[in-house]
Amino acid sequence: MPTPLWILIIAVAAVLCFLLGITYRKKVAEREIVSAEEEAKRIINESIKSAESKKREALVEAKEEIHKSRSEYEREVKERRAELQKQERRLQQKEENLDRKLDSVEKKNDTLSNKIAAVEAQQQEVALVKKSQLEMLEKISGFTVDEAKAYLIANIRDDVTHEMALKVKEIEAQYKDEADARAREIIATAIQRCAADHASEITVSVVPLPNDEMKGRIIGREGRNIRSIETLTGCDLIIDDTPEAITVSSFDPVRREVARLALEKLIQDGRIHPARIEEMVAKAQKEVNAVIKAEGERAVFETNIHGLNPEIIKLLGRMKYRTSYGQNVLNHSIEVSHIAGLLASELGVDVNVAKRAGLLHDLGKSIDHEVEGSHVTIGVDIARKYKESEAVIHAIEAHHGDVEPHTVEACLVQAADAISASRPGARRENIENYVKRLEKLEEVSKSFPGIASSYAIQAGREIRIMVKPEDVSEDQMVLLARDIAKKIEEELTYPGQIKVHVFRETKAVDYAK
């Protein structure tokens, strides 16, 4: 067979195969398209069914929600309506109550108005009756209203004054009869013979100089010596125009004494420079400490008190340099100890406790310049620190009335302190203050009506008052003396007590012709 024919056959076969393939693929594609279309229709149908189902569910849920909201709304509306109805009922009840109250108040006002009118009418009638009665009484008695009042008041005042005077005398007599302890206190005044030396209460010491040239040597070059002295002693040196004298000033008497002794030693030695000053101050300090110890031991020996702590003995010695109103505190403490012991022996109580508390009662004054607080508080703290007994501590605490004394020994220390401080000559005060106190005492006495004159005597411990006999009766004298004493207690400050002595003198003068 020729070649072109085979080629043609092959070409025809190829075309046929190609056409057959295309036909097969078209059928396959058609089948797939039909299958896809069916699948798409199925999916669309399912989607439509699912959407319709969800739509129905959403509608059901929405209807349920709407129904629920509507139910809640209706319930809230019902509750609010019920609340409003309750409030309306309450308001209505309140209005009804207010109406009833207004009616009641109006009725009461009407009643009160009627009563007031009736009372006013009765008052007018009473006033007329009273006026007519007073006029009748005036005619009968021959006195006017004011004269009758004055007469009654005068009679009542005289009666009351007489009764008060009698009552005061009766009470005083009763106290005098019952107070056996009062007699023992009077005996205690005899103990005033326990006299002690007294020094002036000053805050300066004067150191004599051999000549005025010594002032410059004490001052030193550029003031180095005086600065050294003031620094070491804690005192101020006052160097002025006073001839041949230097003044040492300090609130602490022990420091002032150390400075005075050191200056005297420096002046006697003649070598004055910082090193020598330091040496002399140390020596003076030792001497003062020795004196303090010796004075404390002397106080213990004189009062015969045993078992005191050595530190308390030193504090007692320091009181040698302490004064109060010109009275040396150490001598005052020894005196109080003796007086308290004598009082205790008279009363039959513990003499040792009384003497011990009397000696230690002003212990706080030894360091009251260095420690905060009153000398009573400081003394109590010191006594408690060194294990003193509670009876002694209480007596120290109560000797100025800071606490109420509840033991006999505390009362005795208080009394002994007052006796020692108030006896004549015990304490010194500035002349100006003394004169002012006496003048004030006389002014207080003269401030009462019916006083002719008043005189302060016995250094202000007694006031003698002369009254006008025509203004002050004998019964009124008792009350006047008590009133003056009370006013003196309220307005004046003084040691001890003041005797108020009221005199009334009546004179009758006539002439024989």
Protein backbone atom coordinates (compact mmCIF):
# COMPACT_ATOMS: atom_id res chain seq x y z
CA MET A 1 0.00 0.00 0.00
CA PRO A 2 1.36 3.30 -0.93
CA THR A 3 2.65 5.70 1.82
CA PRO A 4 0.26 8.61 1.20
CA LEU A 5 -2.61 6.30 1.80
CA TRP A 6 -1.24 5.30 5.19
CA ILE A 7 -0.77 8.86 6.04
CA LEU A 8 -4.30 9.65 5.04
CA ILE A 9 -5.63 6.72 7.04
CA ILE A 10 -3.64 7.78 10.04
CA ALA A 11 -4.82 11.34 9.65
CA VAL A 12 -8.45 10.22 9.35
CA ALA A 13 -8.00 7.95 12.40
CA ALA A 14 -6.51 10.82 14.33
CA VAL A 15 -9.39 13.09 13.38
CA LEU A 16 -11.89 10.42 14.37
CA CYS A 17 -10.14 9.84 17.69
CA PHE A 18 -10.09 13.57 18.32
CA LEU A 19 -13.79 13.87 17.52
CA LEU A 20 -14.59 10.88 19.68
CA GLY A 21 -12.59 12.37 22.55
CA ILE A 22 -14.35 15.67 22.20
CA THR A 23 -17.71 13.94 22.16
CA TYR A 24 -16.83 11.87 25.27
CA ARG A 25 -15.57 14.90 27.12
CA LYS A 26 -18.71 16.84 26.25
CA LYS A 27 -20.85 14.02 27.60
CA VAL A 28 -18.74 13.79 30.74
CA ALA A 29 -18.92 17.59 31.13
CA GLU A 30 -22.65 17.55 30.61
CA ARG A 31 -23.02 14.83 33.22
CA GLU A 32 -20.84 16.81 35.65
CA ILE A 33 -22.78 20.02 34.92
CA VAL A 34 -26.06 18.18 35.53
CA SER A 35 -24.61 16.70 38.74
CA ALA A 36 -23.35 20.14 39.84
CA GLU A 37 -26.64 21.73 39.04
CA GLU A 38 -28.44 19.05 41.08
CA GLU A 39 -25.98 19.52 43.93
CA ALA A 40 -26.43 23.28 43.71
CA LYS A 41 -30.16 22.88 43.78
CA ARG A 42 -29.89 20.56 46.77
CA ILE A 43 -27.62 23.02 48.65
CA ILE A 44 -29.92 25.91 47.78
CA ASN A 45 -32.93 23.95 48.96
CA GLU A 46 -31.18 23.01 52.19
CA SER A 47 -30.09 26.61 52.69
CA ILE A 48 -33.59 27.84 52.13
CA LYS A 49 -34.94 25.25 54.52
CA SER A 50 -32.24 26.17 57.16
CA ALA A 51 -32.92 29.90 56.71
CA GLU A 52 -36.62 29.39 57.09
CA SER A 53 -36.02 27.26 60.21
CA LYS A 54 -33.73 29.92 61.75
CA LYS A 55 -36.16 32.61 60.78
CA ARG A 56 -38.95 30.73 62.53
CA GLU A 57 -36.72 30.24 65.60
CA ALA A 58 -35.74 33.95 65.63
CA LEU A 59 -39.36 34.93 65.33
CA VAL A 60 -40.27 32.64 68.19
CA GLU A 61 -37.46 34.01 70.37
CA ALA A 62 -38.37 37.59 69.49
CA LYS A 63 -41.99 36.90 70.34
CA GLU A 64 -40.94 35.35 73.65
CA GLU A 65 -38.65 38.34 74.45
CA ILE A 66 -41.39 40.77 73.54
CA HIS A 67 -43.81 38.87 75.69
CA LYS A 68 -41.35 38.79 78.60
CA SER A 69 -40.60 42.52 78.30
CA ARG A 70 -44.28 43.28 78.08
CA SER A 71 -44.94 41.19 81.20
CA GLU A 72 -42.19 42.96 83.16
CA TYR A 73 -43.37 46.35 81.98
CA GLU A 74 -46.93 45.53 82.96
CA ARG A 75 -45.70 44.28 86.38
CA GLU A 76 -43.66 47.48 86.96
CA VAL A 77 -46.62 49.57 85.90
CA LYS A 78 -48.84 47.70 88.32
CA GLU A 79 -46.29 48.14 91.16
CA ARG A 80 -45.93 51.86 90.45
CA ARG A 81 -49.65 52.28 90.29
CA ALA A 82 -49.96 50.44 93.59
CA GLU A 83 -47.23 52.64 95.15
CA LEU A 84 -48.90 55.76 93.83
CA GLN A 85 -52.18 54.61 95.23
CA LYS A 86 -50.55 54.02 98.64
CA GLN A 87 -48.97 57.50 98.57
CA GLU A 88 -52.27 58.99 97.56
CA ARG A 89 -53.96 57.21 100.46
CA ARG A 90 -51.24 58.44 102.86
CA LEU A 91 -51.50 62.00 101.61
CA GLN A 92 -55.22 61.81 101.92
CA GLN A 93 -54.91 60.52 105.50
CA LYS A 94 -52.40 63.28 106.33
CA GLU A 95 -54.69 65.89 104.90
CA GLU A 96 -57.55 64.49 106.95
CA ASN A 97 -55.35 64.49 110.10
CA LEU A 98 -54.21 68.06 109.39
CA ASP A 99 -57.78 69.11 108.94
CA ARG A 100 -58.73 67.50 112.24
CA LYS A 101 -55.71 69.09 113.99
CA LEU A 102 -56.50 72.49 112.53
CA ASP A 103 -60.02 72.14 113.79
CA SER A 104 -58.73 71.12 117.21
CA VAL A 105 -56.19 74.00 117.31
CA GLU A 106 -58.86 76.48 116.30
CA LYS A 107 -61.12 75.17 119.06
CA LYS A 108 -58.23 75.39 121.58
CA ASN A 109 -57.40 78.91 120.44
CA ASP A 110 -60.99 79.88 120.90
CA THR A 111 -61.00 78.27 124.35
CA LEU A 112 -57.70 79.95 125.30
CA SER A 113 -58.92 83.30 124.09
CA ASN A 114 -62.00 82.91 126.24
CA LYS A 115 -59.90 81.83 129.22
CA ILE A 116 -57.43 84.70 128.74
CA ALA A 117 -60.27 87.14 128.57
CA ALA A 118 -61.72 85.62 131.74
CA VAL A 119 -58.32 85.73 133.50
CA GLU A 120 -57.76 89.35 132.51
CA ALA A 121 -61.18 90.21 133.84
CA GLN A 122 -60.36 88.35 137.08
CA GLN A 123 -56.99 90.11 137.34
CA GLN A 124 -58.67 93.43 136.99
CA GLU A 125 -61.11 92.45 139.69
CA VAL A 126 -58.23 91.21 141.91
CA ALA A 127 -56.30 94.42 141.30
CA LEU A 128 -59.32 96.46 142.28
CA VAL A 129 -59.87 94.32 145.39
CA LYS A 130 -56.16 94.48 146.28
CA LYS A 131 -56.11 98.23 145.79
CA SER A 132 -59.15 98.65 147.98
CA GLN A 133 -57.63 96.33 150.61
CA LEU A 134 -54.31 98.21 150.57
CA GLU A 135 -56.15 101.50 150.92
CA MET A 136 -58.08 100.04 153.83
CA LEU A 137 -54.87 98.68 155.44
CA GLU A 138 -53.11 102.02 155.00
CA LYS A 139 -56.02 103.77 156.71
CA ILE A 140 -56.07 101.25 159.56
CA SER A 141 -52.27 101.00 160.11
CA GLY A 142 -51.34 104.55 159.33
CA PHE A 143 -48.40 103.29 157.12
CA THR A 144 -47.96 103.51 153.38
CA VAL A 145 -46.98 100.39 151.41
CA ASP A 146 -43.31 101.38 151.21
CA GLU A 147 -43.21 102.27 154.89
CA ALA A 148 -44.78 98.94 155.81
CA LYS A 149 -42.26 97.04 153.65
CA ALA A 150 -39.34 98.90 155.19
CA TYR A 151 -40.68 98.21 158.69
CA LEU A 152 -41.10 94.48 158.04
CA ILE A 153 -37.69 94.14 156.35
CA ALA A 154 -35.97 95.95 159.22
CA ASN A 155 -37.62 93.67 161.80
CA ILE A 156 -36.81 90.53 159.84
CA ARG A 157 -33.18 91.64 159.23
CA ASP A 158 -32.62 92.29 162.93
CA ASP A 159 -34.12 88.93 163.87
CA VAL A 160 -32.14 87.04 161.23
CA THR A 161 -28.88 88.83 162.10
CA HIS A 162 -29.37 88.02 165.77
CA GLU A 163 -30.16 84.38 165.02
CA MET A 164 -27.13 84.07 162.69
CA ALA A 165 -24.81 85.56 165.29
CA LEU A 166 -26.19 83.21 167.96
CA LYS A 167 -25.81 80.24 165.58
CA VAL A 168 -22.20 81.17 164.74
CA LYS A 169 -21.35 81.51 168.41
CA GLU A 170 -23.04 78.19 169.15
CA ILE A 171 -21.09 76.41 166.38
CA GLU A 172 -17.79 77.93 167.49
CA ALA A 173 -18.48 76.92 171.08
CA GLN A 174 -19.32 73.40 169.95
CA TYR A 175 -16.10 73.13 167.96
CA LYS A 176 -14.09 74.44 170.90
CA ASP A 177 -15.65 71.83 173.21
CA GLU A 178 -15.19 68.91 170.82
CA ALA A 179 -11.76 69.71 169.32
CA ASP A 180 -9.26 68.21 171.79
CA ALA A 181 -6.73 68.12 168.94
CA ARG A 182 -7.06 71.90 168.73
CA ALA A 183 -5.44 72.17 172.15
CA ARG A 184 -2.52 70.06 170.96
CA GLU A 185 -2.01 72.40 168.00
CA ILE A 186 -1.97 75.34 170.38
CA ILE A 187 0.75 73.56 172.34
CA ALA A 188 2.70 73.21 169.11
CA THR A 189 3.00 77.00 168.82
CA ALA A 190 5.27 76.86 171.89
CA ILE A 191 7.79 75.02 169.73
CA GLN A 192 8.58 78.35 168.05
CA ARG A 193 11.64 78.53 170.29
CA CYS A 194 13.37 76.26 167.76
CA ALA A 195 15.08 79.22 166.13
CA ALA A 196 17.46 78.87 163.19
CA ASP A 197 19.89 81.16 161.42
CA HIS A 198 18.51 82.88 158.36
CA ALA A 199 20.26 84.34 155.34
CA SER A 200 18.94 86.78 152.75
CA GLU A 201 17.53 85.21 149.60
CA ILE A 202 19.73 86.64 146.89
CA THR A 203 20.98 85.48 143.53
CA VAL A 204 24.32 87.32 143.67
CA SER A 205 27.53 87.10 145.71
CA VAL A 206 30.00 89.96 146.14
CA VAL A 207 33.72 89.17 146.05
CA PRO A 208 35.94 91.92 147.59
CA LEU A 209 39.08 92.97 145.69
CA PRO A 210 42.34 94.35 147.15
CA ASN A 211 42.33 97.10 144.51
CA ASP A 212 40.63 98.11 141.26
CA GLU A 213 43.68 96.98 139.27
CA MET A 214 42.66 93.41 140.01
CA LYS A 215 39.52 93.90 137.84
CA GLY A 216 41.65 94.19 134.71
CA ARG A 217 43.64 91.08 135.60
CA ILE A 218 40.44 89.11 136.17
CA ILE A 219 39.09 90.26 132.80
CA GLY A 220 42.41 89.31 131.10
CA ARG A 221 43.67 90.03 127.63
CA GLU A 222 40.66 90.39 125.30
CA GLY A 223 38.48 89.01 128.10
CA ARG A 224 39.90 85.50 128.03
CA ASN A 225 40.12 85.13 131.82
CA ILE A 226 36.56 86.23 132.56
CA ARG A 227 35.24 84.05 129.72
CA SER A 228 37.12 81.09 131.14
CA ILE A 229 35.70 81.70 134.64
CA GLU A 230 32.12 82.07 133.34
CA THR A 231 32.44 78.96 131.17
CA LEU A 232 33.86 76.76 133.94
CA THR A 233 31.51 77.92 136.72
CA GLY A 234 28.33 78.65 134.78
CA CYS A 235 28.00 82.03 136.50
CA ASP A 236 28.00 85.61 135.25
CA LEU A 237 30.67 88.02 136.51
CA ILE A 238 29.47 91.62 136.79
CA ILE A 239 32.36 94.07 136.78
CA ASP A 240 31.11 97.64 137.02
CA ASP A 241 32.05 100.91 138.75
CA THR A 242 31.59 99.43 142.23
CA PRO A 243 34.93 100.10 143.93
CA GLU A 244 37.01 97.07 144.89
CA ALA A 245 34.24 94.50 144.32
CA ILE A 246 33.04 92.01 141.73
CA THR A 247 29.51 90.60 141.66
CA VAL A 248 28.91 86.90 140.90
CA SER A 249 25.39 86.21 139.59
CA SER A 250 23.69 82.82 139.12
CA PHE A 251 20.33 81.21 139.82
CA ASP A 252 22.16 78.11 141.15
CA PRO A 253 23.57 78.84 144.65
CA VAL A 254 26.05 75.94 144.47
CA ARG A 255 27.57 77.24 141.23
CA ARG A 256 27.67 80.74 142.73
CA GLU A 257 29.52 79.47 145.80
CA VAL A 258 32.04 77.58 143.62
CA ALA A 259 32.66 80.73 141.58
CA ARG A 260 33.06 82.86 144.73
CA LEU A 261 35.59 80.48 146.30
CA ALA A 262 37.52 80.14 143.02
CA LEU A 263 37.76 83.95 142.66
CA GLU A 264 38.93 84.37 146.24
CA LYS A 265 41.64 81.76 145.68
CA LEU A 266 42.73 83.37 142.40
CA ILE A 267 42.88 86.82 143.99
CA GLN A 268 44.90 85.47 146.90
CA ASP A 269 47.23 83.52 144.60
CA GLY A 270 47.69 86.40 142.14
CA ARG A 271 48.35 84.18 139.12
CA ILE A 272 45.30 84.54 136.90
CA HIS A 273 45.29 82.72 133.57
CA PRO A 274 43.03 80.03 132.00
CA ALA A 275 45.05 77.05 133.24
CA ARG A 276 45.22 78.41 136.79
CA ILE A 277 41.54 79.30 136.68
CA GLU A 278 40.63 75.74 135.75
CA GLU A 279 42.76 74.41 138.62
CA MET A 280 41.21 76.77 141.18
CA VAL A 281 37.67 76.03 140.01
CA ALA A 282 38.33 72.29 140.44
CA LYS A 283 39.66 72.89 143.98
CA ALA A 284 36.66 75.08 144.85
CA GLN A 285 34.34 72.38 143.51
CA LYS A 286 35.98 69.79 145.77
CA GLU A 287 35.69 72.08 148.78
CA VAL A 288 32.03 72.81 148.11
CA ASN A 289 31.31 69.09 147.65
CA ALA A 290 33.02 68.40 150.98
CA VAL A 291 30.98 71.12 152.67
CA ILE A 292 27.79 69.73 151.11
CA LYS A 293 28.55 66.26 152.42
CA ALA A 294 29.45 67.59 155.89
CA GLU A 295 26.28 69.70 156.08
CA GLY A 296 24.12 66.75 155.05
CA GLU A 297 25.73 64.59 157.73
CA ARG A 298 25.25 67.41 160.27
CA ALA A 299 21.53 67.58 159.45
CA VAL A 300 21.20 63.79 159.84
CA PHE A 301 23.14 63.88 163.13
CA GLU A 302 21.09 66.76 164.57
CA THR A 303 17.76 65.12 163.74
CA ASN A 304 19.00 61.63 164.76
CA ILE A 305 17.68 60.00 161.57
CA HIS A 306 19.36 56.80 160.38
CA GLY A 307 19.42 54.75 157.21
CA LEU A 308 19.33 57.58 154.66
CA ASN A 309 20.84 56.92 151.25
CA PRO A 310 24.21 58.73 150.76
CA GLU A 311 22.81 60.53 147.70
CA ILE A 312 19.93 61.90 149.77
CA ILE A 313 22.47 63.13 152.37
CA LYS A 314 24.32 65.00 149.60
CA LEU A 315 21.09 66.55 148.38
CA LEU A 316 20.35 67.66 151.95
CA GLY A 317 23.78 69.30 152.09
CA ARG A 318 23.09 71.19 148.87
CA MET A 319 20.18 72.89 150.63
CA LYS A 320 22.71 74.82 152.77
CA TYR A 321 23.11 77.10 149.76
CA ARG A 322 19.39 77.33 149.02
CA THR A 323 17.13 79.92 150.62
CA SER A 324 13.38 80.58 150.47
CA TYR A 325 12.09 84.04 151.35
CA GLY A 326 15.34 84.63 153.24
CA GLN A 327 15.03 81.38 155.22
CA ASN A 328 17.81 78.84 154.80
CA VAL A 329 16.16 75.69 153.47
CA LEU A 330 18.46 73.23 155.27
CA ASN A 331 17.95 74.91 158.67
CA HIS A 332 14.24 75.15 157.90
CA SER A 333 14.11 71.40 157.14
CA ILE A 334 15.94 70.57 160.39
CA GLU A 335 13.54 72.82 162.30
CA VAL A 336 10.50 71.21 160.65
CA SER A 337 11.89 67.77 161.55
CA HIS A 338 12.21 68.74 165.23
CA ILE A 339 8.75 70.34 165.36
CA ALA A 340 7.10 67.40 163.59
CA GLY A 341 8.80 64.98 166.02
CA LEU A 342 7.61 66.96 169.05
CA LEU A 343 4.07 67.10 167.65
CA ALA A 344 4.15 63.35 166.96
CA SER A 345 5.27 62.62 170.53
CA GLU A 346 2.46 64.83 171.86
CA LEU A 347 -0.11 62.98 169.75
CA GLY A 348 1.34 59.54 170.36
CA VAL A 349 2.09 58.67 166.70
CA ASP A 350 5.24 57.47 164.90
CA VAL A 351 7.96 60.03 165.80
CA ASN A 352 10.58 58.58 163.43
CA VAL A 353 8.31 58.82 160.36
CA ALA A 354 7.31 62.39 161.26
CA LYS A 355 10.93 63.52 161.77
CA ARG A 356 12.15 61.76 158.62
CA ALA A 357 9.37 63.27 156.49
CA GLY A 358 9.98 66.69 158.06
CA LEU A 359 13.66 66.58 157.17
CA LEU A 360 12.99 65.44 153.59
CA HIS A 361 9.86 67.50 152.84
CA ASP A 362 11.75 70.20 150.86
CA LEU A 363 14.31 67.81 149.32
CA GLY A 364 13.24 68.82 145.81
CA LYS A 365 14.49 72.38 146.36
CA SER A 366 18.08 71.14 146.22
CA ILE A 367 17.81 70.50 142.46
CA ASP A 368 14.69 72.40 141.40
CA HIS A 369 16.92 74.74 139.34
CA GLU A 370 18.11 71.77 137.29
CA VAL A 371 14.99 69.57 136.96
CA GLU A 372 11.58 70.45 135.51
CA GLY A 373 8.66 70.48 137.94
CA SER A 374 7.74 71.79 141.38
CA HIS A 375 9.94 70.99 144.38
CA VAL A 376 7.13 68.77 145.74
CA THR A 377 7.07 66.59 142.61
CA ILE A 378 10.87 66.46 142.45
CA GLY A 379 11.11 65.52 146.14
CA VAL A 380 8.56 62.72 145.72
CA ASP A 381 10.47 61.32 142.73
CA ILE A 382 13.78 61.41 144.65
CA ALA A 383 12.28 59.73 147.73
CA ARG A 384 10.67 57.03 145.59
CA LYS A 385 13.95 56.53 143.68
CA TYR A 386 15.91 55.87 146.89
CA LYS A 387 13.28 53.53 148.35
CA GLU A 388 11.80 55.71 151.10
CA SER A 389 8.65 54.40 152.77
CA GLU A 390 5.20 55.25 151.38
CA ALA A 391 4.34 57.15 154.58
CA VAL A 392 7.33 59.49 154.08
CA ILE A 393 6.60 59.91 150.36
CA HIS A 394 2.96 60.75 151.07
CA ALA A 395 3.96 63.33 153.70
CA ILE A 396 6.33 65.00 151.21
CA GLU A 397 3.63 65.03 148.54
CA ALA A 398 0.97 66.48 150.86
CA HIS A 399 2.97 69.14 152.74
CA HIS A 400 1.73 71.92 150.41
CA GLY A 401 -1.77 70.50 149.89
CA ASP A 402 -1.07 69.11 146.39
CA VAL A 403 -2.83 65.95 147.58
CA GLU A 404 -5.16 65.44 150.51
CA PRO A 405 -3.21 64.17 153.56
CA HIS A 406 -4.61 60.89 154.84
CA THR A 407 -2.08 60.09 157.59
CA VAL A 408 -1.46 61.85 160.88
CA GLU A 409 2.25 62.20 160.07
CA ALA A 410 1.46 64.03 156.81
CA CYS A 411 -0.76 66.49 158.70
CA LEU A 412 1.98 67.03 161.28
CA VAL A 413 4.61 67.77 158.61
CA GLN A 414 2.21 70.22 156.99
CA ALA A 415 1.61 71.96 160.34
CA ALA A 416 5.31 71.99 161.27
CA ASP A 417 6.20 73.49 157.89
CA ALA A 418 3.64 76.27 158.41
CA ILE A 419 4.88 76.94 161.96
CA SER A 420 8.52 77.15 160.90
CA ALA A 421 7.77 79.40 157.94
CA SER A 422 5.24 81.71 159.58
CA ARG A 423 6.77 82.45 162.96
CA PRO A 424 8.04 86.04 163.38
CA GLY A 425 11.46 86.60 161.88
CA ALA A 426 11.55 83.33 159.96
CA ARG A 427 11.24 84.81 156.52
CA ARG A 428 12.20 88.11 155.01
CA GLU A 429 10.47 89.81 152.15
CA ASN A 430 11.18 92.87 150.06
CA ILE A 431 10.22 96.06 151.92
CA GLU A 432 8.10 97.29 149.01
CA ASN A 433 6.18 94.01 148.81
CA TYR A 434 5.82 94.03 152.59
CA VAL A 435 4.35 97.55 152.61
CA LYS A 436 2.05 96.77 149.68
CA ARG A 437 0.78 93.65 151.43
CA LEU A 438 -0.04 95.61 154.58
CA GLU A 439 -1.75 98.35 152.58
CA LYS A 440 -3.78 95.77 150.68
CA LEU A 441 -4.75 94.14 153.98
CA GLU A 442 -6.06 97.45 155.32
CA GLU A 443 -7.86 98.21 152.02
CA VAL A 444 -9.68 94.86 152.10
CA SER A 445 -10.77 95.52 155.69
CA LYS A 446 -12.02 99.04 154.89
CA SER A 447 -14.04 97.84 151.88
CA PHE A 448 -16.93 96.76 154.14
CA PRO A 449 -19.61 99.27 155.21
CA GLY A 450 -19.58 100.55 158.78
CA ILE A 451 -15.75 100.46 159.16
CA ALA A 452 -14.28 103.52 160.88
CA SER A 453 -10.59 102.56 160.65
CA SER A 454 -8.31 99.53 160.34
CA TYR A 455 -4.69 98.94 161.32
CA ALA A 456 -2.39 96.09 160.32
CA ILE A 457 -0.07 95.13 163.19
CA GLN A 458 2.24 92.29 164.17
CA ALA A 459 3.97 92.43 160.76
CA GLY A 460 0.66 91.84 159.04
CA ARG A 461 -0.33 88.86 161.17
CA GLU A 462 -3.16 90.75 162.85
CA ILE A 463 -5.64 93.34 161.59
CA ARG A 464 -7.50 95.52 164.09
CA ILE A 465 -10.72 97.05 162.85
CA MET A 466 -12.76 99.79 164.51
CA VAL A 467 -16.43 99.88 163.51
CA LYS A 468 -19.00 102.64 163.77
CA PRO A 469 -21.29 101.70 166.66
CA GLU A 470 -24.31 103.38 165.10
CA ASP A 471 -23.92 101.31 161.89
CA VAL A 472 -22.75 97.91 163.22
CA SER A 473 -24.48 96.14 166.10
CA GLU A 474 -22.84 93.62 168.42
CA ASP A 475 -24.53 90.75 166.61
CA GLN A 476 -23.31 92.04 163.26
CA MET A 477 -19.70 92.18 164.53
CA VAL A 478 -19.45 88.37 164.53
CA LEU A 479 -20.61 88.11 160.93
CA LEU A 480 -18.47 91.08 159.87
CA ALA A 481 -15.30 89.50 161.29
CA ARG A 482 -16.08 86.24 159.46
CA ASP A 483 -16.79 88.04 156.16
CA ILE A 484 -13.55 90.07 156.38
CA ALA A 485 -11.51 86.93 157.13
CA LYS A 486 -13.08 85.13 154.18
CA LYS A 487 -12.34 88.03 151.81
CA ILE A 488 -8.72 88.17 153.03
CA GLU A 489 -8.36 84.44 152.30
CA GLU A 490 -9.73 84.92 148.77
CA GLU A 491 -7.78 88.03 147.73
CA LEU A 492 -4.43 87.93 149.58
CA THR A 493 -1.46 85.57 149.64
CA TYR A 494 0.39 85.38 152.97
CA PRO A 495 2.32 82.90 155.13
CA GLY A 496 0.65 81.48 158.24
CA GLN A 497 -2.59 83.07 159.41
CA ILE A 498 -4.00 86.56 160.03
CA LYS A 499 -6.05 87.38 163.10
CA VAL A 500 -9.07 89.60 162.40
CA HIS A 501 -9.93 91.64 165.50
CA VAL A 502 -13.11 93.78 165.35
CA PHE A 503 -13.74 96.47 168.02
CA ARG A 504 -16.95 98.36 168.77
CA GLU A 505 -16.98 101.17 171.29
CA THR A 506 -20.04 103.16 172.38
CA LYS A 507 -19.59 106.44 174.23
CA ALA A 508 -22.23 108.53 176.02
CA VAL A 509 -21.37 112.16 176.80
CA ASP A 510 -23.44 114.57 178.85
CA TYR A 511 -22.81 117.78 180.75
CA ALA A 512 -23.89 118.72 184.29
CA LYS A 513 -25.01 122.33 184.48
